Protein backbone atom coordinates (compact mmCIF):
# COMPACT_ATOMS: atom_id res chain seq x y z
CA MET A 1 -27.63 1.90 5.86
CA VAL A 2 -26.32 -1.49 5.76
CA ILE A 3 -27.31 -2.49 2.21
CA ALA A 4 -25.92 1.26 1.34
CA LEU A 5 -22.22 0.31 3.10
CA ALA A 6 -22.07 -3.02 1.63
CA CYS A 7 -22.45 -1.59 -1.67
CA VAL A 8 -19.57 0.45 -0.75
CA GLY A 9 -17.13 -2.03 -0.25
CA LEU A 10 -18.50 -3.93 -3.18
CA GLY A 11 -18.25 -1.68 -5.02
CA PHE A 12 -15.10 -0.25 -4.09
CA SER A 13 -13.85 -4.09 -4.65
CA LEU A 14 -15.16 -4.87 -7.97
CA SER A 15 -13.67 -1.35 -9.34
CA GLY A 16 -10.62 -2.50 -7.94
CA ALA A 17 -10.42 -6.37 -9.18
CA VAL A 18 -10.98 -4.47 -12.76
CA GLY A 19 -8.00 -2.03 -11.57
CA ILE A 20 -5.56 -5.33 -10.80
CA LEU A 21 -5.63 -6.39 -14.12
CA ARG A 22 -4.99 -3.50 -15.69
CA MET A 23 -2.31 -2.57 -13.91
CA PRO A 24 1.13 -1.80 -16.68
CA ASP A 25 3.33 -2.95 -13.37
CA LEU A 26 3.47 -4.96 -9.71
CA TYR A 27 3.68 -1.87 -8.09
CA CYS A 28 0.42 -0.14 -9.32
CA ARG A 29 -0.97 -3.20 -8.68
CA ILE A 30 0.07 -3.32 -5.19
CA GLN A 31 -1.28 0.08 -4.40
CA CYS A 32 -4.22 -0.45 -6.46
CA SER A 33 -5.20 -4.31 -4.09
CA SER A 34 -4.24 -2.22 -0.73
CA LYS A 35 -6.45 -0.03 -2.15
CA THR A 36 -9.33 -2.32 -2.97
CA THR A 37 -8.38 -4.25 0.51
CA THR A 38 -9.16 -1.11 2.60
CA MET A 39 -11.86 0.50 1.03
CA GLY A 40 -13.35 -2.84 0.53
CA ALA A 41 -13.02 -4.39 3.49
CA LEU A 42 -13.67 -1.48 5.78
CA PRO A 43 -17.51 -0.08 4.46
CA ALA A 44 -18.06 -4.35 5.29
CA LEU A 45 -17.22 -4.12 8.10
CA ILE A 46 -18.92 -0.82 9.40
CA ALA A 47 -22.46 -2.35 7.47
CA LEU A 48 -21.52 -5.40 9.97
CA VAL A 49 -20.86 -3.84 13.19
CA VAL A 50 -23.99 -1.69 12.20
CA GLY A 51 -26.76 -4.21 11.22
CA GLU A 52 -25.61 -6.89 14.10
CA GLY A 53 -24.91 -3.60 16.69
CA VAL A 54 -22.10 -2.11 18.14
CA LEU A 55 -22.61 -4.36 21.34
CA SER A 56 -22.27 -7.67 19.85
CA SER A 57 -19.56 -10.10 19.64
CA TYR A 58 -19.67 -9.74 15.57
CA ALA A 59 -19.19 -6.15 15.87
CA SER A 60 -16.17 -5.74 18.20
CA ARG A 61 -14.87 -8.14 16.22
CA ALA A 62 -15.16 -6.45 13.06
CA LEU A 63 -13.71 -3.78 14.86
CA LEU A 64 -10.54 -5.22 16.30
CA THR A 65 -10.28 -6.82 11.86
CA ALA A 66 -10.98 -2.25 10.56
CA PHE A 67 -8.05 -1.43 13.10
CA LEU A 68 -5.69 -3.91 12.32
CA LEU A 69 -6.62 -3.86 8.75
CA LEU A 70 -5.95 0.18 8.44
CA LEU A 71 -2.88 -0.26 10.84
CA LEU A 72 -0.76 -3.19 9.16
CA ASN A 73 -2.18 -2.51 5.10
CA PRO A 74 -0.08 -0.02 4.44
CA ALA A 75 2.24 -1.69 5.71
CA SER A 76 2.47 -4.41 4.41
CA SER A 77 2.11 -2.99 1.57
CA HIS A 78 4.77 -1.19 1.62
CA ALA A 79 7.31 -4.09 3.45
CA LEU A 80 6.06 -5.63 -0.10
CA ALA A 81 6.91 -3.54 -3.05
CA ARG A 82 9.92 -2.64 -1.18
CA ALA A 83 11.32 -6.22 -1.32
CA ALA A 84 10.35 -6.60 -5.51
CA TYR A 85 11.95 -2.92 -5.88
CA LYS A 86 15.06 -4.78 -3.82
CA SER A 87 14.81 -8.47 -5.45
CA GLY A 88 14.77 -6.41 -9.13
CA VAL A 89 11.34 -6.94 -10.28
CA PRO A 90 10.73 -3.87 -13.14
CA MET A 91 9.24 -0.76 -13.35
CA TRP A 92 6.37 0.27 -15.35
CA ASP A 93 8.33 2.01 -19.19
CA GLY A 94 6.18 4.25 -18.52
CA ALA A 95 7.01 4.98 -14.49
CA VAL A 96 7.83 9.05 -15.03
CA ARG A 97 10.50 8.59 -11.46
CA ASP A 98 12.72 6.29 -9.42
CA GLU A 99 12.81 8.34 -6.72
CA ALA A 100 14.47 5.57 -4.71
CA ALA A 101 16.78 5.22 -7.55
CA GLU A 102 17.66 9.25 -6.94
CA ALA A 103 18.02 8.76 -2.95
CA ARG A 104 20.19 5.67 -3.57
CA HIS A 105 22.39 7.70 -5.98
CA ARG A 106 22.11 10.63 -3.65
CA ARG A 107 23.38 9.14 -0.90
CA GLU A 108 26.30 7.10 -2.83
CA GLN A 109 27.39 11.20 -3.41
CA ARG A 110 27.30 12.11 -0.23
CA ARG A 111 28.89 9.14 0.77
CA ARG A 112 31.82 9.67 -1.59
CA GLU A 113 32.31 13.43 -0.69
CA ARG A 114 32.86 12.01 2.90
CA ARG A 115 35.31 9.59 2.12
CA ARG A 116 37.12 12.08 -0.41
CA ASP A 117 36.83 15.10 2.43
CA GLY A 118 37.74 12.66 5.01
CA SER A 119 41.07 10.68 3.26
CA GLY A 120 42.81 14.23 2.35
CA GLN A 121 42.56 13.83 -1.52
CA GLU A 122 40.90 16.18 -4.08
CA ASP A 123 40.53 16.43 -7.02
């Protein structure tokens, strides 16, 4: 069981490393690296818990690490991608949609409409 879990973690880490090298832009690489971190480390940490026993000090540390990984990894990846987007890092040319730009455009339109309606101006 321990060896199988370790191999699963190793497989996810290896495929994620290949994915990071092959992804076309920063945003795809961030997504790939966050999945690699989560899915590569969790089976290895569970293997440690199974191998050492649930009541060992290593197991409690591994469970705490797994919990923090599940909690903080998506948030940190999101913050990193958002900071990159706001600083103007370009998306891949083959990207189908830029939902953040669409949302910003809709927000600006609503703001303009409210301003126009509030000031009494009509087109």
